[in-house]
Amino acid sequence: MTTASPAPVDLTDLAVGQELARTRHEITRDTLVRYAGASGDFNPIHYNDTVATEAGLPGVIAHGMLTMGTAITGLLDAIADPTAVRAYSTRFTQPIPVPATGSAILEVVAVVGALDEEKGTARVDLTAEVDGTKVLGRARATLALPVGAGRDGQGTA
């Protein structure tokens, strides 16, 4: 389950504080299996409860890169041009426990944090939470704005 903005965001006229995307992503054990197969990351903390708890975790957890990649998908859908992303970084603050049955829901909001008219970029801040707990900290994407885009010059990207 993923929900995103229905129409692409116009990058020519962004404002600081503008919400660009709000998404919900269901993460299940099946998601972890598929990601492990695609990435080659078969660390047992991502599929074996015993190994995960012996490592001091609450149980099986989602892969960090799965979390990071999933978190930006709403923004990518909203801007409709993934080549506009010039940088993306985050800190992992909390693991996402994934139950044996059911799912964890990753909720992400992407908001324009700053605009840099001189560089022609926008910094987008992403808030990623599961059950009200932030799982990513300082998650930021830098977008290249179209040449000649009208910008209000607030902040720095």
Protein backbone atom coordinates (compact mmCIF):
# COMPACT_ATOMS: atom_id res chain seq x y z
CA MET A 1 0.00 0.00 0.00
CA THR A 2 1.54 3.26 -1.16
CA THR A 3 -0.29 6.54 -1.50
CA ALA A 4 1.13 9.66 -3.10
CA SER A 5 0.21 13.04 -4.53
CA PRO A 6 -2.04 12.61 -7.59
CA ALA A 7 -0.52 15.36 -9.81
CA PRO A 8 3.17 16.13 -10.32
CA VAL A 9 4.52 19.03 -8.27
CA ASP A 10 5.53 22.14 -10.23
CA LEU A 11 9.20 22.65 -9.37
CA THR A 12 9.22 26.14 -10.88
CA ASP A 13 7.42 27.74 -7.95
CA LEU A 14 8.22 26.04 -4.64
CA ALA A 15 7.90 27.65 -1.22
CA VAL A 16 9.60 26.83 2.06
CA GLY A 17 7.19 24.75 4.15
CA GLN A 18 5.34 23.39 1.12
CA GLU A 19 4.37 19.73 1.45
CA LEU A 20 5.38 17.83 -1.66
CA ALA A 21 4.34 14.30 -0.73
CA ARG A 22 2.66 12.29 2.02
CA THR A 23 2.90 8.52 1.65
CA ARG A 24 2.18 5.29 3.53
CA HIS A 25 4.14 2.13 2.75
CA GLU A 26 3.27 -1.34 4.00
CA ILE A 27 6.34 -3.42 4.90
CA THR A 28 5.80 -7.14 5.43
CA ARG A 29 8.08 -10.15 5.80
CA ASP A 30 7.38 -10.78 2.12
CA THR A 31 8.76 -7.30 1.38
CA LEU A 32 11.95 -8.24 3.25
CA VAL A 33 12.34 -11.50 1.33
CA ARG A 34 11.94 -9.73 -2.00
CA TYR A 35 14.38 -6.98 -1.00
CA ALA A 36 16.93 -9.53 0.21
CA GLY A 37 16.74 -11.33 -3.12
CA ALA A 38 17.12 -8.11 -5.10
CA SER A 39 19.91 -6.64 -2.97
CA GLY A 40 21.78 -9.77 -1.95
CA ASP A 41 21.51 -8.72 1.72
CA PHE A 42 20.68 -12.01 3.45
CA ASN A 43 21.65 -10.97 6.97
CA PRO A 44 19.47 -13.21 9.20
CA ILE A 45 18.33 -10.26 11.36
CA HIS A 46 16.03 -9.51 8.44
CA TYR A 47 14.27 -12.89 8.43
CA ASN A 48 15.07 -14.92 11.58
CA ASP A 49 13.49 -13.83 14.88
CA THR A 50 15.88 -15.87 17.00
CA VAL A 51 18.99 -14.36 15.42
CA ALA A 52 17.47 -10.87 15.59
CA THR A 53 16.59 -11.10 19.30
CA GLU A 54 19.97 -12.65 20.13
CA ALA A 55 21.50 -9.55 18.47
CA GLY A 56 19.51 -7.36 20.87
CA LEU A 57 16.81 -6.36 18.41
CA PRO A 58 13.07 -6.51 19.09
CA GLY A 59 12.73 -9.14 16.36
CA VAL A 60 13.16 -9.16 12.60
CA ILE A 61 13.81 -5.65 11.28
CA ALA A 62 13.59 -4.03 7.85
CA HIS A 63 16.81 -3.44 5.93
CA GLY A 64 18.15 0.09 6.35
CA MET A 65 18.54 0.61 2.62
CA LEU A 66 15.01 -0.70 2.04
CA THR A 67 13.75 1.90 4.51
CA MET A 68 15.79 4.69 2.95
CA GLY A 69 14.78 3.79 -0.59
CA THR A 70 11.12 3.40 0.28
CA ALA A 71 11.07 6.74 2.11
CA ILE A 72 12.00 8.73 -1.00
CA THR A 73 9.59 7.05 -3.41
CA GLY A 74 6.72 9.42 -2.63
CA LEU A 75 8.91 12.43 -3.40
CA LEU A 76 10.09 10.82 -6.64
CA ASP A 77 6.50 10.20 -7.69
CA ALA A 78 5.52 13.76 -6.72
CA ILE A 79 8.24 15.48 -8.75
CA ALA A 80 7.79 13.11 -11.73
CA ASP A 81 11.47 13.57 -12.67
CA PRO A 82 13.88 11.47 -10.57
CA THR A 83 16.83 13.07 -12.38
CA ALA A 84 16.10 16.28 -10.44
CA VAL A 85 17.41 14.61 -7.27
CA ARG A 86 21.03 15.66 -6.81
CA ALA A 87 21.63 14.21 -3.33
CA TYR A 88 19.84 12.16 -0.71
CA SER A 89 21.06 11.29 2.77
CA THR A 90 19.76 10.25 6.15
CA ARG A 91 20.66 8.90 9.56
CA PHE A 92 19.07 5.69 10.78
CA THR A 93 17.53 6.45 14.17
CA GLN A 94 15.35 3.40 14.90
CA PRO A 95 14.94 0.01 13.25
CA ILE A 96 11.57 -0.97 11.83
CA PRO A 97 10.38 -4.20 13.48
CA VAL A 98 8.42 -6.28 10.98
CA PRO A 99 5.97 -8.76 12.52
CA ALA A 100 5.78 -12.39 11.37
CA THR A 101 2.20 -11.73 10.25
CA GLY A 102 0.72 -8.38 9.40
CA SER A 103 2.87 -5.39 8.53
CA ALA A 104 4.65 -2.26 9.65
CA ILE A 105 3.44 0.98 8.07
CA LEU A 106 6.10 3.52 7.13
CA GLU A 107 4.60 7.01 6.93
CA VAL A 108 6.63 9.67 5.13
CA VAL A 109 6.09 13.39 4.65
CA ALA A 110 8.29 15.43 2.29
CA VAL A 111 8.40 19.20 2.87
CA VAL A 112 10.48 21.93 1.26
CA GLY A 113 12.97 22.89 3.97
CA ALA A 114 14.99 25.52 2.12
CA LEU A 115 15.53 27.12 -1.27
CA ASP A 116 18.86 28.29 -2.62
CA GLU A 117 18.29 30.68 -5.52
CA GLU A 118 21.99 31.04 -6.23
CA LYS A 119 22.53 27.29 -6.58
CA GLY A 120 19.10 26.66 -8.11
CA THR A 121 18.28 23.95 -5.59
CA ALA A 122 15.66 23.03 -3.05
CA ARG A 123 16.30 21.03 0.11
CA VAL A 124 13.45 18.67 0.87
CA ASP A 125 13.17 17.33 4.42
CA LEU A 126 11.59 13.91 4.84
CA THR A 127 9.98 12.77 8.07
CA ALA A 128 9.70 8.97 8.25
CA GLU A 129 7.79 7.32 11.09
CA VAL A 130 6.37 3.96 12.10
CA ASP A 131 3.69 4.06 14.80
CA GLY A 132 4.67 7.65 15.63
CA THR A 133 8.39 6.82 16.08
CA LYS A 134 10.90 8.50 13.79
CA VAL A 135 12.93 5.83 12.01
CA LEU A 136 15.07 8.20 9.92
CA GLY A 137 16.73 11.37 11.15
CA ARG A 138 17.88 14.31 9.08
CA ALA A 139 16.54 12.69 5.91
CA ARG A 140 17.16 15.21 3.16
CA ALA A 141 17.01 15.32 -0.61
CA THR A 142 18.46 18.11 -2.73
CA LEU A 143 16.53 18.87 -5.91
CA ALA A 144 17.82 20.80 -8.92
CA LEU A 145 15.24 23.38 -9.89
CA PRO A 146 14.44 24.22 -13.50
CA VAL A 147 16.48 27.07 -14.95
CA GLY A 148 14.66 30.36 -14.46
CA ALA A 149 12.30 28.93 -11.84
CA GLY A 150 10.68 31.61 -9.70
CA ARG A 151 11.99 31.16 -6.17
CA ASP A 152 11.40 33.15 -3.02
CA GLY A 153 15.04 32.82 -1.91
CA GLN A 154 14.20 31.73 1.63
CA GLY A 155 16.84 29.71 3.42
CA THR A 156 19.61 27.65 1.90
CA ALA A 157 19.48 24.20 0.41
